[in-house]
Amino acid sequence: MLAIWAVFIATAAAVASYVLAAFYREAVSDVTTTIFTACIGYLITYAGKSLGEKLSRNKHRLDADGNPLPEDTTTSSDSTNIGKG
């Protein structure tokens, strides 16, 4: 939802930049460059934060809601059963 809001704001700012340029009020290139630089920075920050959260959840064996994952019953910690089928 936050990403959609950021895209909406960036689009509105770009449109406003061109409207202002049409009335000789502001340069288009500077505003547009600033908007897209901010959007790229936002996306990189968001991706890094999401990756950090995912790695932390994996490390502590938590699901997306922060609840502990169920124990894996397909593997046995009993070393005497290894290789015996």
C-alpha atoms as a PDB file:
ATOM      1  CA  MET A   1       0.000   0.000   0.000  1.00  0.00           C
ATOM      2  CA  LEU A   2       2.859   2.350   0.826  1.00  0.00           C
ATOM      3  CA  ALA A   3       4.476   1.718  -2.550  1.00  0.00           C
ATOM      4  CA  ILE A   4       1.215   2.577  -4.339  1.00  0.00           C
ATOM      5  CA  TRP A   5       0.989   5.829  -2.383  1.00  0.00           C
ATOM      6  CA  ALA A   6       4.610   6.697  -3.297  1.00  0.00           C
ATOM      7  CA  VAL A   7       3.938   6.051  -6.990  1.00  0.00           C
ATOM      8  CA  PHE A   8       0.803   8.202  -6.844  1.00  0.00           C
ATOM      9  CA  ILE A   9       2.682  11.103  -5.222  1.00  0.00           C
ATOM     10  CA  ALA A  10       5.579  10.819  -7.680  1.00  0.00           C
ATOM     11  CA  THR A  11       3.191  10.832 -10.641  1.00  0.00           C
ATOM     12  CA  ALA A  12       1.289  13.826  -9.303  1.00  0.00           C
ATOM     13  CA  ALA A  13       4.555  15.699  -8.703  1.00  0.00           C
ATOM     14  CA  ALA A  14       5.759  14.969 -12.230  1.00  0.00           C
ATOM     15  CA  VAL A  15       2.451  16.164 -13.713  1.00  0.00           C
ATOM     16  CA  ALA A  16       2.611  19.307 -11.591  1.00  0.00           C
ATOM     17  CA  SER A  17       6.164  19.880 -12.800  1.00  0.00           C
ATOM     18  CA  TYR A  18       5.078  19.828 -16.451  1.00  0.00           C
ATOM     19  CA  VAL A  19       2.026  22.009 -15.762  1.00  0.00           C
ATOM     20  CA  LEU A  20       4.231  24.577 -14.055  1.00  0.00           C
ATOM     21  CA  ALA A  21       6.695  24.414 -16.953  1.00  0.00           C
ATOM     22  CA  ALA A  22       3.860  25.101 -19.367  1.00  0.00           C
ATOM     23  CA  PHE A  23       3.253  28.381 -17.531  1.00  0.00           C
ATOM     24  CA  TYR A  24       7.010  29.174 -17.389  1.00  0.00           C
ATOM     25  CA  ARG A  25       7.099  28.848 -13.609  1.00  0.00           C
ATOM     26  CA  GLU A  26       9.655  26.075 -13.079  1.00  0.00           C
ATOM     27  CA  ALA A  27      12.194  23.933 -14.930  1.00  0.00           C
ATOM     28  CA  VAL A  28      10.934  20.441 -15.700  1.00  0.00           C
ATOM     29  CA  SER A  29      14.213  18.530 -15.707  1.00  0.00           C
ATOM     30  CA  ASP A  30      15.289  19.436 -12.175  1.00  0.00           C
ATOM     31  CA  VAL A  31      11.988  18.479 -10.573  1.00  0.00           C
ATOM     32  CA  THR A  32      11.611  15.263 -12.559  1.00  0.00           C
ATOM     33  CA  THR A  33      15.173  14.189 -11.762  1.00  0.00           C
ATOM     34  CA  THR A  34      14.597  14.834  -8.073  1.00  0.00           C
ATOM     35  CA  ILE A  35      11.332  12.867  -8.073  1.00  0.00           C
ATOM     36  CA  PHE A  36      12.782   9.809  -9.753  1.00  0.00           C
ATOM     37  CA  THR A  37      15.932   9.890  -7.620  1.00  0.00           C
ATOM     38  CA  ALA A  38      13.743   9.923  -4.515  1.00  0.00           C
ATOM     39  CA  CYS A  39      11.628   7.043  -5.862  1.00  0.00           C
ATOM     40  CA  ILE A  40      14.688   4.924  -6.582  1.00  0.00           C
ATOM     41  CA  GLY A  41      16.049   5.687  -3.111  1.00  0.00           C
ATOM     42  CA  TYR A  42      12.713   4.729  -1.580  1.00  0.00           C
ATOM     43  CA  LEU A  43      12.575   1.434  -3.456  1.00  0.00           C
ATOM     44  CA  ILE A  44      16.149   0.507  -2.494  1.00  0.00           C
ATOM     45  CA  THR A  45      15.451   1.332   1.153  1.00  0.00           C
ATOM     46  CA  TYR A  46      12.184  -0.634   1.122  1.00  0.00           C
ATOM     47  CA  ALA A  47      13.853  -3.660  -0.508  1.00  0.00           C
ATOM     48  CA  GLY A  48      16.683  -3.588   2.038  1.00  0.00           C
ATOM     49  CA  LYS A  49      14.264  -3.355   4.951  1.00  0.00           C
ATOM     50  CA  SER A  50      12.148  -6.213   3.607  1.00  0.00           C
ATOM     51  CA  LEU A  51      15.226  -8.369   3.071  1.00  0.00           C
ATOM     52  CA  GLY A  52      16.420  -7.667   6.611  1.00  0.00           C
ATOM     53  CA  GLU A  53      13.032  -8.636   8.040  1.00  0.00           C
ATOM     54  CA  LYS A  54      12.928 -11.833   5.977  1.00  0.00           C
ATOM     55  CA  LEU A  55      16.424 -12.860   7.084  1.00  0.00           C
ATOM     56  CA  SER A  56      15.560 -12.152  10.711  1.00  0.00           C
ATOM     57  CA  ARG A  57      12.356 -14.208  10.508  1.00  0.00           C
ATOM     58  CA  ASN A  58      14.275 -17.097   8.933  1.00  0.00           C
ATOM     59  CA  LYS A  59      17.007 -16.898  11.576  1.00  0.00           C
ATOM     60  CA  HIS A  60      14.513 -17.025  14.437  1.00  0.00           C
ATOM     61  CA  ARG A  61      12.120 -19.449  12.634  1.00  0.00           C
ATOM     62  CA  LEU A  62       9.124 -17.113  12.616  1.00  0.00           C
ATOM     63  CA  ASP A  63       6.344 -16.782  10.062  1.00  0.00           C
ATOM     64  CA  ALA A  64       5.305 -13.464   8.488  1.00  0.00           C
ATOM     65  CA  ASP A  65       3.109 -12.667  11.505  1.00  0.00           C
ATOM     66  CA  GLY A  66       5.917 -13.279  14.010  1.00  0.00           C
ATOM     67  CA  ASN A  67       4.581 -16.624  15.210  1.00  0.00           C
ATOM     68  CA  PRO A  68       6.988 -19.567  15.662  1.00  0.00           C
ATOM     69  CA  LEU A  69       7.038 -22.019  12.780  1.00  0.00           C
ATOM     70  CA  PRO A  70       5.978 -25.599  13.542  1.00  0.00           C
ATOM     71  CA  GLU A  71       8.795 -28.073  14.090  1.00  0.00           C
ATOM     72  CA  ASP A  72       9.895 -29.983  10.996  1.00  0.00           C
ATOM     73  CA  THR A  73       8.867 -33.611  11.552  1.00  0.00           C
ATOM     74  CA  THR A  74      10.344 -34.921   8.293  1.00  0.00           C
ATOM     75  CA  THR A  75      13.882 -34.980   9.679  1.00  0.00           C
ATOM     76  CA  SER A  76      15.002 -36.848  12.732  1.00  0.00           C
ATOM     77  CA  SER A  77      17.695 -35.739  15.126  1.00  0.00           C
ATOM     78  CA  ASP A  78      18.317 -39.405  15.984  1.00  0.00           C
ATOM     79  CA  SER A  79      21.573 -40.301  14.260  1.00  0.00           C
ATOM     80  CA  THR A  80      20.924 -44.061  14.555  1.00  0.00           C
ATOM     81  CA  ASN A  81      18.243 -43.902  11.850  1.00  0.00           C
ATOM     82  CA  ILE A  82      20.498 -42.323   9.241  1.00  0.00           C
ATOM     83  CA  GLY A  83      20.947 -44.544   6.222  1.00  0.00           C
ATOM     84  CA  LYS A  84      18.438 -47.158   7.328  1.00  0.00           C
ATOM     85  CA  GLY A  85      15.379 -47.348   5.203  1.00  0.00           C
END
